[in-house]
Amino acid sequence: MRMRRWSPSELLRRKAVVLDHVARYSYVCPGWGVAPHRPHDLTADHVIPRYEGGECGPLRVLCRGCDN
């Protein structure tokens, strides 16, 4: 399934979540099924998948490897 591109406001929301996480916890991925670790890059992930209606829902921070 191909997803739509992010709107400018969603991009800002996602960036703010990642910046807040880094300010609070440093540059650490909390892990998804693995121990917390230092990632190459962090991203905001929808707690409820977009295809299940979570587009505007809460976000969590993971590295790209854990976000797959």
PDB file of N, CA and C in Angstrom:
ATOM      1  N   MET A   1       0.846  -1.175   0.000  1.00  0.00           N
ATOM      2  CA  MET A   1       0.000   0.000   0.000  1.00  0.00           C
ATOM      3  C   MET A   1       0.892   1.239   0.000  1.00  0.00           C
ATOM      4  N   ARG A   2       0.631   2.168  -0.880  1.00  0.00           N
ATOM      5  CA  ARG A   2       1.421   3.393  -0.972  1.00  0.00           C
ATOM      6  C   ARG A   2       0.764   4.486  -0.138  1.00  0.00           C
ATOM      7  N   MET A   3       1.564   5.122   0.714  1.00  0.00           N
ATOM      8  CA  MET A   3       1.040   6.165   1.592  1.00  0.00           C
ATOM      9  C   MET A   3       1.220   7.538   0.953  1.00  0.00           C
ATOM     10  N   ARG A   4       0.355   8.469   1.352  1.00  0.00           N
ATOM     11  CA  ARG A   4       0.482   9.851   0.913  1.00  0.00           C
ATOM     12  C   ARG A   4       1.717  10.487   1.549  1.00  0.00           C
ATOM     13  N   ARG A   5       2.198  11.543   0.928  1.00  0.00           N
ATOM     14  CA  ARG A   5       3.300  12.311   1.512  1.00  0.00           C
ATOM     15  C   ARG A   5       2.789  13.082   2.720  1.00  0.00           C
ATOM     16  N   TRP A   6       3.721  13.444   3.605  1.00  0.00           N
ATOM     17  CA  TRP A   6       3.360  14.206   4.805  1.00  0.00           C
ATOM     18  C   TRP A   6       3.019  15.641   4.441  1.00  0.00           C
ATOM     19  N   SER A   7       2.041  16.202   5.132  1.00  0.00           N
ATOM     20  CA  SER A   7       1.718  17.622   4.989  1.00  0.00           C
ATOM     21  C   SER A   7       2.789  18.435   5.719  1.00  0.00           C
ATOM     22  N   PRO A   8       2.922  19.721   5.398  1.00  0.00           N
ATOM     23  CA  PRO A   8       3.904  20.553   6.110  1.00  0.00           C
ATOM     24  C   PRO A   8       3.683  20.563   7.628  1.00  0.00           C
ATOM     25  N   SER A   9       2.431  20.601   8.072  1.00  0.00           N
ATOM     26  CA  SER A   9       2.171  20.605   9.515  1.00  0.00           C
ATOM     27  C   SER A   9       2.543  19.265  10.160  1.00  0.00           C
ATOM     28  N   GLU A  10       2.342  18.167   9.447  1.00  0.00           N
ATOM     29  CA  GLU A  10       2.725  16.857   9.983  1.00  0.00           C
ATOM     30  C   GLU A  10       4.244  16.733  10.056  1.00  0.00           C
ATOM     31  N   LEU A  11       4.943  17.274   9.076  1.00  0.00           N
ATOM     32  CA  LEU A  11       6.410  17.258   9.121  1.00  0.00           C
ATOM     33  C   LEU A  11       6.919  18.029  10.338  1.00  0.00           C
ATOM     34  N   LEU A  12       6.322  19.173  10.628  1.00  0.00           N
ATOM     35  CA  LEU A  12       6.716  19.954  11.803  1.00  0.00           C
ATOM     36  C   LEU A  12       6.401  19.209  13.096  1.00  0.00           C
ATOM     37  N   ARG A  13       5.253  18.561  13.152  1.00  0.00           N
ATOM     38  CA  ARG A  13       4.865  17.794  14.347  1.00  0.00           C
ATOM     39  C   ARG A  13       5.843  16.654  14.590  1.00  0.00           C
ATOM     40  N   ARG A  14       6.205  15.945  13.533  1.00  0.00           N
ATOM     41  CA  ARG A  14       7.138  14.825  13.649  1.00  0.00           C
ATOM     42  C   ARG A  14       8.517  15.303  14.089  1.00  0.00           C
ATOM     43  N   LYS A  15       8.962  16.418  13.518  1.00  0.00           N
ATOM     44  CA  LYS A  15      10.266  16.969  13.891  1.00  0.00           C
ATOM     45  C   LYS A  15      10.274  17.385  15.361  1.00  0.00           C
ATOM     46  N   ALA A  16       9.204  18.009  15.818  1.00  0.00           N
ATOM     47  CA  ALA A  16       9.110  18.445  17.211  1.00  0.00           C
ATOM     48  C   ALA A  16       9.164  17.265  18.168  1.00  0.00           C
ATOM     49  N   VAL A  17       8.520  16.162  17.817  1.00  0.00           N
ATOM     50  CA  VAL A  17       8.534  14.973  18.674  1.00  0.00           C
ATOM     51  C   VAL A  17       9.952  14.415  18.794  1.00  0.00           C
ATOM     52  N   VAL A  18      10.665  14.356  17.684  1.00  0.00           N
ATOM     53  CA  VAL A  18      12.036  13.843  17.710  1.00  0.00           C
ATOM     54  C   VAL A  18      12.939  14.781  18.509  1.00  0.00           C
ATOM     55  N   LEU A  19      12.838  16.098  18.284  1.00  0.00           N
ATOM     56  CA  LEU A  19      13.665  17.056  19.015  1.00  0.00           C
ATOM     57  C   LEU A  19      13.390  17.007  20.517  1.00  0.00           C
ATOM     58  N   ASP A  20      12.128  16.863  20.904  1.00  0.00           N
ATOM     59  CA  ASP A  20      11.777  16.740  22.322  1.00  0.00           C
ATOM     60  C   ASP A  20      12.394  15.472  22.915  1.00  0.00           C
ATOM     61  N   HIS A  21      12.323  14.371  22.178  1.00  0.00           N
ATOM     62  CA  HIS A  21      12.909  13.107  22.646  1.00  0.00           C
ATOM     63  C   HIS A  21      14.415  13.260  22.862  1.00  0.00           C
ATOM     64  N   VAL A  22      15.106  13.871  21.908  1.00  0.00           N
ATOM     65  CA  VAL A  22      16.558  14.055  22.012  1.00  0.00           C
ATOM     66  C   VAL A  22      16.891  14.954  23.205  1.00  0.00           C
ATOM     67  N   ALA A  23      16.101  16.009  23.435  1.00  0.00           N
ATOM     68  CA  ALA A  23      16.342  16.899  24.571  1.00  0.00           C
ATOM     69  C   ALA A  23      16.167  16.172  25.904  1.00  0.00           C
ATOM     70  N   ARG A  24      15.209  15.268  25.965  1.00  0.00           N
ATOM     71  CA  ARG A  24      14.933  14.543  27.217  1.00  0.00           C
ATOM     72  C   ARG A  24      15.856  13.352  27.446  1.00  0.00           C
ATOM     73  N   TYR A  25      16.086  12.561  26.397  1.00  0.00           N
ATOM     74  CA  TYR A  25      16.748  11.268  26.565  1.00  0.00           C
ATOM     75  C   TYR A  25      18.075  11.144  25.828  1.00  0.00           C
ATOM     76  N   SER A  26      18.508  12.202  25.163  1.00  0.00           N
ATOM     77  CA  SER A  26      19.694  12.181  24.324  1.00  0.00           C
ATOM     78  C   SER A  26      19.374  11.406  23.044  1.00  0.00           C
ATOM     79  N   TYR A  27      20.394  11.121  22.278  1.00  0.00           N
ATOM     80  CA  TYR A  27      20.204  10.481  20.976  1.00  0.00           C
ATOM     81  C   TYR A  27      20.214   8.965  21.149  1.00  0.00           C
ATOM     82  N   VAL A  28      19.111   8.437  21.716  1.00  0.00           N
ATOM     83  CA  VAL A  28      18.990   7.009  22.014  1.00  0.00           C
ATOM     84  C   VAL A  28      17.641   6.517  21.505  1.00  0.00           C
ATOM     85  N   CYS A  29      17.659   5.400  20.802  1.00  0.00           N
ATOM     86  CA  CYS A  29      16.416   4.746  20.387  1.00  0.00           C
ATOM     87  C   CYS A  29      15.959   3.872  21.542  1.00  0.00           C
ATOM     88  N   PRO A  30      14.694   3.987  21.982  1.00  0.00           N
ATOM     89  CA  PRO A  30      14.224   3.153  23.072  1.00  0.00           C
ATOM     90  C   PRO A  30      14.115   1.674  22.693  1.00  0.00           C
ATOM     91  N   GLY A  31      14.203   1.382  21.404  1.00  0.00           N
ATOM     92  CA  GLY A  31      14.160  -0.004  20.939  1.00  0.00           C
ATOM     93  C   GLY A  31      12.753  -0.518  20.759  1.00  0.00           C
ATOM     94  N   TRP A  32      12.584  -1.367  19.801  1.00  0.00           N
ATOM     95  CA  TRP A  32      11.314  -2.043  19.540  1.00  0.00           C
ATOM     96  C   TRP A  32      11.649  -3.525  19.465  1.00  0.00           C
ATOM     97  N   GLY A  33      11.503  -4.205  20.590  1.00  0.00           N
ATOM     98  CA  GLY A  33      11.862  -5.614  20.658  1.00  0.00           C
ATOM     99  C   GLY A  33      13.357  -5.831  20.872  1.00  0.00           C
ATOM    100  N   VAL A  34      14.100  -4.761  21.074  1.00  0.00           N
ATOM    101  CA  VAL A  34      15.537  -4.824  21.353  1.00  0.00           C
ATOM    102  C   VAL A  34      15.848  -3.806  22.450  1.00  0.00           C
ATOM    103  N   ALA A  35      17.020  -3.931  23.034  1.00  0.00           N
ATOM    104  CA  ALA A  35      17.430  -3.003  24.086  1.00  0.00           C
ATOM    105  C   ALA A  35      17.647  -1.604  23.502  1.00  0.00           C
ATOM    106  N   PRO A  36      17.499  -0.568  24.333  1.00  0.00           N
ATOM    107  CA  PRO A  36      17.809   0.784  23.861  1.00  0.00           C
ATOM    108  C   PRO A  36      19.231   0.839  23.298  1.00  0.00           C
ATOM    109  N   HIS A  37      19.400   1.653  22.263  1.00  0.00           N
ATOM    110  CA  HIS A  37      20.689   1.705  21.589  1.00  0.00           C
ATOM    111  C   HIS A  37      20.887   3.047  20.905  1.00  0.00           C
ATOM    112  N   ARG A  38      22.141   3.325  20.537  1.00  0.00           N
ATOM    113  CA  ARG A  38      22.474   4.549  19.793  1.00  0.00           C
ATOM    114  C   ARG A  38      22.237   4.277  18.316  1.00  0.00           C
ATOM    115  N   PRO A  39      21.322   5.009  17.707  1.00  0.00           N
ATOM    116  CA  PRO A  39      20.968   4.776  16.304  1.00  0.00           C
ATOM    117  C   PRO A  39      21.768   5.651  15.342  1.00  0.00           C
ATOM    118  N   HIS A  40      21.617   5.361  14.076  1.00  0.00           N
ATOM    119  CA  HIS A  40      22.158   6.238  13.037  1.00  0.00           C
ATOM    120  C   HIS A  40      21.237   7.434  12.842  1.00  0.00           C
ATOM    121  N   ASP A  41      19.933   7.206  12.923  1.00  0.00           N
ATOM    122  CA  ASP A  41      18.977   8.297  12.791  1.00  0.00           C
ATOM    123  C   ASP A  41      17.682   7.946  13.500  1.00  0.00           C
ATOM    124  N   LEU A  42      17.001   8.958  14.006  1.00  0.00           N
ATOM    125  CA  LEU A  42      15.731   8.777  14.702  1.00  0.00           C
ATOM    126  C   LEU A  42      14.599   9.290  13.822  1.00  0.00           C
ATOM    127  N   THR A  43      13.435   8.697  14.011  1.00  0.00           N
ATOM    128  CA  THR A  43      12.258   9.117  13.262  1.00  0.00           C
ATOM    129  C   THR A  43      11.039   9.016  14.171  1.00  0.00           C
ATOM    130  N   ALA A  44      10.002   9.757  13.826  1.00  0.00           N
ATOM    131  CA  ALA A  44       8.734   9.677  14.546  1.00  0.00           C
ATOM    132  C   ALA A  44       7.892   8.583  13.890  1.00  0.00           C
ATOM    133  N   ASP A  45       7.312   7.739  14.717  1.00  0.00           N
ATOM    134  CA  ASP A  45       6.514   6.617  14.241  1.00  0.00           C
ATOM    135  C   ASP A  45       5.107   6.741  14.813  1.00  0.00           C
ATOM    136  N   HIS A  46       4.110   6.480  14.008  1.00  0.00           N
ATOM    137  CA  HIS A  46       2.729   6.517  14.494  1.00  0.00           C
ATOM    138  C   HIS A  46       2.469   5.313  15.402  1.00  0.00           C
ATOM    139  N   VAL A  47       1.938   5.572  16.594  1.00  0.00           N
ATOM    140  CA  VAL A  47       1.593   4.493  17.518  1.00  0.00           C
ATOM    141  C   VAL A  47       0.501   3.628  16.892  1.00  0.00           C
ATOM    142  N   ILE A  48      -0.486   4.276  16.308  1.00  0.00           N
ATOM    143  CA  ILE A  48      -1.535   3.575  15.557  1.00  0.00           C
ATOM    144  C   ILE A  48      -1.171   3.745  14.087  1.00  0.00           C
ATOM    145  N   PRO A  49      -0.977   2.662  13.353  1.00  0.00           N
ATOM    146  CA  PRO A  49      -0.562   2.790  11.951  1.00  0.00           C
ATOM    147  C   PRO A  49      -1.505   3.679  11.141  1.00  0.00           C
ATOM    148  N   ARG A  50      -0.936   4.372  10.181  1.00  0.00           N
ATOM    149  CA  ARG A  50      -1.723   5.268   9.330  1.00  0.00           C
ATOM    150  C   ARG A  50      -2.859   4.527   8.640  1.00  0.00           C
ATOM    151  N   TYR A  51      -2.598   3.302   8.183  1.00  0.00           N
ATOM    152  CA  TYR A  51      -3.645   2.570   7.467  1.00  0.00           C
ATOM    153  C   TYR A  51      -4.784   2.148   8.383  1.00  0.00           C
ATOM    154  N   GLU A  52      -4.587   2.286   9.726  1.00  0.00           N
ATOM    155  CA  GLU A  52      -5.659   2.003  10.685  1.00  0.00           C
ATOM    156  C   GLU A  52      -6.268   3.293  11.231  1.00  0.00           C
ATOM    157  N   GLY A  53      -5.951   4.420  10.584  1.00  0.00           N
ATOM    158  CA  GLY A  53      -6.527   5.695  10.986  1.00  0.00           C
ATOM    159  C   GLY A  53      -5.683   6.507  11.947  1.00  0.00           C
ATOM    160  N   GLY A  54      -4.417   6.186  12.107  1.00  0.00           N
ATOM    161  CA  GLY A  54      -3.571   6.868  13.079  1.00  0.00           C
ATOM    162  C   GLY A  54      -2.816   8.059  12.561  1.00  0.00           C
ATOM    163  N   GLU A  55      -3.208   8.601  11.424  1.00  0.00           N
ATOM    164  CA  GLU A  55      -2.451   9.690  10.808  1.00  0.00           C
ATOM    165  C   GLU A  55      -2.248  10.877  11.741  1.00  0.00           C
ATOM    166  N   CYS A  56      -3.244  11.263  12.498  1.00  0.00           N
ATOM    167  CA  CYS A  56      -3.118  12.419  13.386  1.00  0.00           C
ATOM    168  C   CYS A  56      -2.946  12.003  14.843  1.00  0.00           C
ATOM    169  N   GLY A  57      -2.744  10.725  15.064  1.00  0.00           N
ATOM    170  CA  GLY A  57      -2.640  10.202  16.415  1.00  0.00           C
ATOM    171  C   GLY A  57      -1.277  10.397  17.036  1.00  0.00           C
ATOM    172  N   PRO A  58      -1.078   9.788  18.199  1.00  0.00           N
ATOM    173  CA  PRO A  58       0.176   9.952  18.921  1.00  0.00           C
ATOM    174  C   PRO A  58       1.364   9.353  18.169  1.00  0.00           C
ATOM    175  N   LEU A  59       2.534   9.931  18.440  1.00  0.00           N
ATOM    176  CA  LEU A  59       3.778   9.488  17.811  1.00  0.00           C
ATOM    177  C   LEU A  59       4.730   8.972  18.884  1.00  0.00           C
ATOM    178  N   ARG A  60       5.618   8.071  18.498  1.00  0.00           N
ATOM    179  CA  ARG A  60       6.711   7.628  19.363  1.00  0.00           C
ATOM    180  C   ARG A  60       7.989   7.763  18.539  1.00  0.00           C
ATOM    181  N   VAL A  61       9.114   7.764  19.201  1.00  0.00           N
ATOM    182  CA  VAL A  61      10.393   7.916  18.521  1.00  0.00           C
ATOM    183  C   VAL A  61      11.105   6.583  18.491  1.00  0.00           C
ATOM    184  N   LEU A  62      11.544   6.206  17.303  1.00  0.00           N
ATOM    185  CA  LEU A  62      12.331   4.993  17.075  1.00  0.00           C
ATOM    186  C   LEU A  62      13.407   5.313  16.049  1.00  0.00           C
ATOM    187  N   CYS A  63      14.416   4.443  15.947  1.00  0.00           N
ATOM    188  CA  CYS A  63      15.355   4.591  14.837  1.00  0.00           C
ATOM    189  C   CYS A  63      14.714   3.963  13.604  1.00  0.00           C
ATOM    190  N   ARG A  64      15.269   4.237  12.466  1.00  0.00           N
ATOM    191  CA  ARG A  64      14.683   3.699  11.226  1.00  0.00           C
ATOM    192  C   ARG A  64      14.723   2.177  11.213  1.00  0.00           C
ATOM    193  N   GLY A  65      15.744   1.559  11.810  1.00  0.00           N
ATOM    194  CA  GLY A  65      15.826   0.104  11.869  1.00  0.00           C
ATOM    195  C   GLY A  65      14.694  -0.509  12.684  1.00  0.00           C
ATOM    196  N   CYS A  66      14.328   0.123  13.797  1.00  0.00           N
ATOM    197  CA  CYS A  66      13.239  -0.379  14.635  1.00  0.00           C
ATOM    198  C   CYS A  66      11.868  -0.017  14.064  1.00  0.00           C
ATOM    199  N   ASP A  67      11.812   0.987  13.196  1.00  0.00           N
ATOM    200  CA  ASP A  67      10.560   1.441  12.617  1.00  0.00           C
ATOM    201  C   ASP A  67      10.105   0.594  11.425  1.00  0.00           C
ATOM    202  N   ASN A  68      10.880  -0.378  11.024  1.00  0.00           N
ATOM    203  CA  ASN A  68      10.503  -1.218   9.869  1.00  0.00           C
ATOM    204  C   ASN A  68       9.415  -2.172  10.194  1.00  0.00           C
TER     205      ASN A  68
END
